[in-house]
PDB file of N, CA and C in Angstrom:
ATOM      1  N   MET A   1      -8.509   0.610  22.432  1.00  0.00           N
ATOM      2  CA  MET A   1      -8.993   0.553  21.168  1.00  0.00           C
ATOM      3  C   MET A   1     -10.100  -0.531  21.078  1.00  0.00           C
ATOM      4  N   ASN A   2     -11.324  -0.389  20.479  1.00  0.00           N
ATOM      5  CA  ASN A   2     -12.190  -1.292  20.412  1.00  0.00           C
ATOM      6  C   ASN A   2     -12.027  -2.089  19.200  1.00  0.00           C
ATOM      7  N   PRO A   3     -12.718  -3.241  19.033  1.00  0.00           N
ATOM      8  CA  PRO A   3     -12.248  -4.107  18.050  1.00  0.00           C
ATOM      9  C   PRO A   3     -12.829  -3.672  16.519  1.00  0.00           C
ATOM     10  N   ALA A   4     -13.731  -2.663  16.413  1.00  0.00           N
ATOM     11  CA  ALA A   4     -13.923  -2.175  15.160  1.00  0.00           C
ATOM     12  C   ALA A   4     -12.750  -1.158  14.679  1.00  0.00           C
ATOM     13  N   GLY A   5     -12.085  -0.465  15.822  1.00  0.00           N
ATOM     14  CA  GLY A   5     -10.942   0.193  15.430  1.00  0.00           C
ATOM     15  C   GLY A   5      -9.829  -0.654  14.786  1.00  0.00           C
ATOM     16  N   TRP A   6      -9.649  -1.711  15.448  1.00  0.00           N
ATOM     17  CA  TRP A   6      -8.689  -2.882  15.108  1.00  0.00           C
ATOM     18  C   TRP A   6      -8.912  -3.345  13.840  1.00  0.00           C
ATOM     19  N   THR A   7     -10.027  -3.554  13.674  1.00  0.00           N
ATOM     20  CA  THR A   7     -10.421  -4.013  12.190  1.00  0.00           C
ATOM     21  C   THR A   7      -9.981  -3.328  10.960  1.00  0.00           C
ATOM     22  N   VAL A   8     -10.466  -1.869  11.174  1.00  0.00           N
ATOM     23  CA  VAL A   8     -10.154  -0.854  10.262  1.00  0.00           C
ATOM     24  C   VAL A   8      -8.664  -0.580   9.913  1.00  0.00           C
ATOM     25  N   MET A   9      -8.055  -0.520  11.188  1.00  0.00           N
ATOM     26  CA  MET A   9      -6.609  -0.488  11.216  1.00  0.00           C
ATOM     27  C   MET A   9      -5.891  -1.645  10.383  1.00  0.00           C
ATOM     28  N   ILE A  10      -6.265  -2.775  10.707  1.00  0.00           N
ATOM     29  CA  ILE A  10      -5.587  -3.983  10.086  1.00  0.00           C
ATOM     30  C   ILE A  10      -6.006  -4.136   8.389  1.00  0.00           C
ATOM     31  N   LEU A  11      -7.332  -3.649   8.256  1.00  0.00           N
ATOM     32  CA  LEU A  11      -7.763  -3.658   6.809  1.00  0.00           C
ATOM     33  C   LEU A  11      -6.947  -2.578   6.032  1.00  0.00           C
ATOM     34  N   SER A  12      -6.798  -1.414   6.596  1.00  0.00           N
ATOM     35  CA  SER A  12      -6.137  -0.270   5.912  1.00  0.00           C
ATOM     36  C   SER A  12      -4.640  -0.646   5.648  1.00  0.00           C
ATOM     37  N   ILE A  13      -4.024  -1.109   6.786  1.00  0.00           N
ATOM     38  CA  ILE A  13      -2.703  -1.278   6.626  1.00  0.00           C
ATOM     39  C   ILE A  13      -2.251  -2.687   5.586  1.00  0.00           C
ATOM     40  N   GLY A  14      -3.287  -3.479   5.644  1.00  0.00           N
ATOM     41  CA  GLY A  14      -3.120  -4.782   4.935  1.00  0.00           C
ATOM     42  C   GLY A  14      -3.358  -4.344   3.395  1.00  0.00           C
ATOM     43  N   SER A  15      -4.245  -3.430   3.159  1.00  0.00           N
ATOM     44  CA  SER A  15      -4.612  -3.016   1.774  1.00  0.00           C
ATOM     45  C   SER A  15      -3.224  -2.271   1.197  1.00  0.00           C
ATOM     46  N   VAL A  16      -2.807  -1.230   2.115  1.00  0.00           N
ATOM     47  CA  VAL A  16      -1.586  -0.487   1.710  1.00  0.00           C
ATOM     48  C   VAL A  16      -0.388  -1.543   1.324  1.00  0.00           C
ATOM     49  N   LEU A  17      -0.149  -2.518   2.351  1.00  0.00           N
ATOM     50  CA  LEU A  17       0.972  -3.150   2.102  1.00  0.00           C
ATOM     51  C   LEU A  17       0.727  -4.289   1.158  1.00  0.00           C
ATOM     52  N   THR A  18      -0.571  -4.729   0.550  1.00  0.00           N
ATOM     53  CA  THR A  18      -0.810  -5.384  -0.637  1.00  0.00           C
ATOM     54  C   THR A  18      -0.457  -4.585  -1.874  1.00  0.00           C
ATOM     55  N   LEU A  19      -0.953  -3.501  -1.926  1.00  0.00           N
ATOM     56  CA  LEU A  19      -0.826  -2.629  -3.194  1.00  0.00           C
ATOM     57  C   LEU A  19       0.610  -2.340  -3.215  1.00  0.00           C
ATOM     58  N   VAL A  20       1.447  -2.099  -2.358  1.00  0.00           N
ATOM     59  CA  VAL A  20       3.041  -1.846  -2.509  1.00  0.00           C
ATOM     60  C   VAL A  20       3.421  -2.939  -3.070  1.00  0.00           C
ATOM     61  N   SER A  21       3.044  -4.101  -2.495  1.00  0.00           N
ATOM     62  CA  SER A  21       3.825  -5.302  -2.800  1.00  0.00           C
ATOM     63  C   SER A  21       3.558  -5.723  -4.097  1.00  0.00           C
ATOM     64  N   TYR A  22       2.315  -5.452  -4.588  1.00  0.00           N
ATOM     65  CA  TYR A  22       1.942  -5.670  -6.021  1.00  0.00           C
ATOM     66  C   TYR A  22       2.641  -4.949  -6.918  1.00  0.00           C
ATOM     67  N   CYS A  23       2.779  -3.477  -6.667  1.00  0.00           N
ATOM     68  CA  CYS A  23       3.319  -2.721  -7.453  1.00  0.00           C
ATOM     69  C   CYS A  23       4.949  -2.944  -7.613  1.00  0.00           C
ATOM     70  N   MET A  24       5.488  -3.190  -6.455  1.00  0.00           N
ATOM     71  CA  MET A  24       7.130  -3.697  -6.431  1.00  0.00           C
ATOM     72  C   MET A  24       7.273  -4.778  -7.356  1.00  0.00           C
ATOM     73  N   PHE A  25       6.334  -5.669  -7.188  1.00  0.00           N
ATOM     74  CA  PHE A  25       6.446  -6.941  -7.999  1.00  0.00           C
ATOM     75  C   PHE A  25       6.564  -6.849  -9.490  1.00  0.00           C
ATOM     76  N   ARG A  26       5.348  -5.812  -9.983  1.00  0.00           N
ATOM     77  CA  ARG A  26       5.256  -5.722 -11.344  1.00  0.00           C
ATOM     78  C   ARG A  26       6.439  -4.797 -11.908  1.00  0.00           C
ATOM     79  N   VAL A  27       7.082  -4.008 -11.068  1.00  0.00           N
ATOM     80  CA  VAL A  27       8.132  -3.213 -11.585  1.00  0.00           C
ATOM     81  C   VAL A  27       9.358  -3.969 -11.557  1.00  0.00           C
ATOM     82  N   LEU A  28       9.650  -4.850 -10.574  1.00  0.00           N
ATOM     83  CA  LEU A  28      11.157  -5.613 -10.442  1.00  0.00           C
ATOM     84  C   LEU A  28      10.875  -6.876 -11.522  1.00  0.00           C
ATOM     85  N   THR A  29       9.813  -7.089 -12.014  1.00  0.00           N
ATOM     86  CA  THR A  29       9.709  -8.263 -12.950  1.00  0.00           C
ATOM     87  C   THR A  29       9.438  -7.774 -14.468  1.00  0.00           C
ATOM     88  N   LEU A  30       9.753  -6.465 -14.941  1.00  0.00           N
ATOM     89  CA  LEU A  30       9.416  -6.163 -16.053  1.00  0.00           C
ATOM     90  C   LEU A  30      10.435  -6.949 -17.145  1.00  0.00           C
ATOM     91  N   PRO A  31      10.073  -6.978 -18.109  1.00  0.00           N
ATOM     92  CA  PRO A  31      11.147  -7.764 -19.102  1.00  0.00           C
ATOM     93  C   PRO A  31      12.075  -6.785 -19.549  1.00  0.00           C
ATOM     94  N   PRO A  32      13.261  -7.403 -19.904  1.00  0.00           N
ATOM     95  CA  PRO A  32      14.553  -6.360 -20.443  1.00  0.00           C
ATOM     96  C   PRO A  32      14.192  -5.606 -21.630  1.00  0.00           C
ATOM     97  N   LEU A  33      14.678  -4.511 -21.596  1.00  0.00           N
ATOM     98  CA  LEU A  33      14.472  -3.366 -22.743  1.00  0.00           C
ATOM     99  C   LEU A  33      15.260  -3.833 -23.824  1.00  0.00           C
ATOM    100  N   GLU A  34      14.824  -3.594 -24.989  1.00  0.00           N
ATOM    101  CA  GLU A  34      15.605  -3.974 -26.154  1.00  0.00           C
ATOM    102  C   GLU A  34      16.444  -2.889 -26.547  1.00  0.00           C
ATOM    103  N   GLU A  35      17.717  -3.128 -26.978  1.00  0.00           N
ATOM    104  CA  GLU A  35      18.531  -1.961 -27.091  1.00  0.00           C
ATOM    105  C   GLU A  35      18.264  -1.085 -28.353  1.00  0.00           C
ATOM    106  N   GLU A  36      17.727  -1.768 -29.277  1.00  0.00           N
ATOM    107  CA  GLU A  36      17.313  -0.809 -30.478  1.00  0.00           C
ATOM    108  C   GLU A  36      16.211   0.188 -30.189  1.00  0.00           C
ATOM    109  N   HIS A  37      15.491  -0.186 -29.333  1.00  0.00           N
ATOM    110  CA  HIS A  37      14.207   0.974 -28.982  1.00  0.00           C
ATOM    111  C   HIS A  37      14.774   2.119 -28.147  1.00  0.00           C
ATOM    112  N   LEU A  38      16.007   1.956 -27.573  1.00  0.00           N
ATOM    113  CA  LEU A  38      16.486   3.171 -26.873  1.00  0.00           C
ATOM    114  C   LEU A  38      17.248   4.204 -27.578  1.00  0.00           C
ATOM    115  N   LYS A  39      17.586   3.977 -28.888  1.00  0.00           N
ATOM    116  CA  LYS A  39      18.241   4.895 -29.671  1.00  0.00           C
ATOM    117  C   LYS A  39      17.304   5.819 -30.424  1.00  0.00           C
ATOM    118  N   GLY A  40      17.719   7.060 -30.390  1.00  0.00           N
ATOM    119  CA  GLY A  40      17.001   8.096 -31.255  1.00  0.00           C
ATOM    120  C   GLY A  40      17.700   8.285 -32.695  1.00  0.00           C
ATOM    121  N   PRO A  41      16.859   8.910 -33.578  1.00  0.00           N
ATOM    122  CA  PRO A  41      17.407   9.077 -34.822  1.00  0.00           C
ATOM    123  C   PRO A  41      18.686   9.930 -34.800  1.00  0.00           C
ATOM    124  N   LEU A  42      19.606   9.586 -35.809  1.00  0.00           N
ATOM    125  CA  LEU A  42      20.840  10.259 -35.812  1.00  0.00           C
ATOM    126  C   LEU A  42      20.835  11.997 -36.228  1.00  0.00           C
ATOM    127  N   GLU A  43      19.820  12.203 -37.036  1.00  0.00           N
ATOM    128  CA  GLU A  43      19.593  13.585 -37.419  1.00  0.00           C
ATOM    129  C   GLU A  43      18.264  13.720 -37.268  1.00  0.00           C
ATOM    130  N   ILE A  44      17.876  14.872 -36.597  1.00  0.00           N
ATOM    131  CA  ILE A  44      16.694  15.262 -36.370  1.00  0.00           C
ATOM    132  C   ILE A  44      16.353  16.677 -37.125  1.00  0.00           C
ATOM    133  N   GLU A  45      15.521  16.771 -38.233  1.00  0.00           N
ATOM    134  CA  GLU A  45      15.199  18.083 -38.734  1.00  0.00           C
ATOM    135  C   GLU A  45      14.240  18.793 -38.078  1.00  0.00           C
ATOM    136  N   THR A  46      14.677  20.119 -37.465  1.00  0.00           N
ATOM    137  CA  THR A  46      13.707  20.697 -36.620  1.00  0.00           C
ATOM    138  C   THR A  46      13.111  21.960 -37.438  1.00  0.00           C
ATOM    139  N   GLY A  47      13.691  22.382 -38.413  1.00  0.00           N
ATOM    140  CA  GLY A  47      13.195  23.480 -39.446  1.00  0.00           C
ATOM    141  C   GLY A  47      13.632  24.821 -38.839  1.00  0.00           C
ATOM    142  N   ASP A  48      14.301  24.892 -37.666  1.00  0.00           N
ATOM    143  CA  ASP A  48      14.581  26.237 -37.207  1.00  0.00           C
ATOM    144  C   ASP A  48      15.933  26.775 -37.835  1.00  0.00           C
ATOM    145  N   THR A  49      16.669  25.999 -38.655  1.00  0.00           N
ATOM    146  CA  THR A  49      17.983  26.539 -39.099  1.00  0.00           C
ATOM    147  C   THR A  49      17.721  26.964 -40.616  1.00  0.00           C
ATOM    148  N   ASP A  50      16.437  26.525 -41.273  1.00  0.00           N
ATOM    149  CA  ASP A  50      16.462  27.124 -42.521  1.00  0.00           C
ATOM    150  C   ASP A  50      16.211  28.592 -42.596  1.00  0.00           C
ATOM    151  N   ASN A  51      16.903  29.245 -43.420  1.00  0.00           N
ATOM    152  CA  ASN A  51      16.827  30.600 -43.778  1.00  0.00           C
ATOM    153  C   ASN A  51      16.946  31.372 -42.206  1.00  0.00           C
ATOM    154  N   ALA A  52      18.186  31.218 -41.683  1.00  0.00           N
ATOM    155  CA  ALA A  52      18.442  31.773 -40.517  1.00  0.00           C
ATOM    156  C   ALA A  52      18.743  33.347 -40.610  1.00  0.00           C
ATOM    157  N   ASP A  53      18.745  33.926 -41.690  1.00  0.00           N
ATOM    158  CA  ASP A  53      18.856  35.249 -41.943  1.00  0.00           C
ATOM    159  C   ASP A  53      18.159  36.102 -41.171  1.00  0.00           C
TER     160      ASP A  53
END
């Protein structure tokens, strides 16, 4: 392989590894979720049971 091919290959592999590392860092360092935001309302009125006749 000539030097231009090596350059392109090193740049492409380096950019992919950099992007993967950045994304993994961002995902693994997320702040903890607050418990109160994970709960849904106890009763959800959908309206499909009104006048079910």
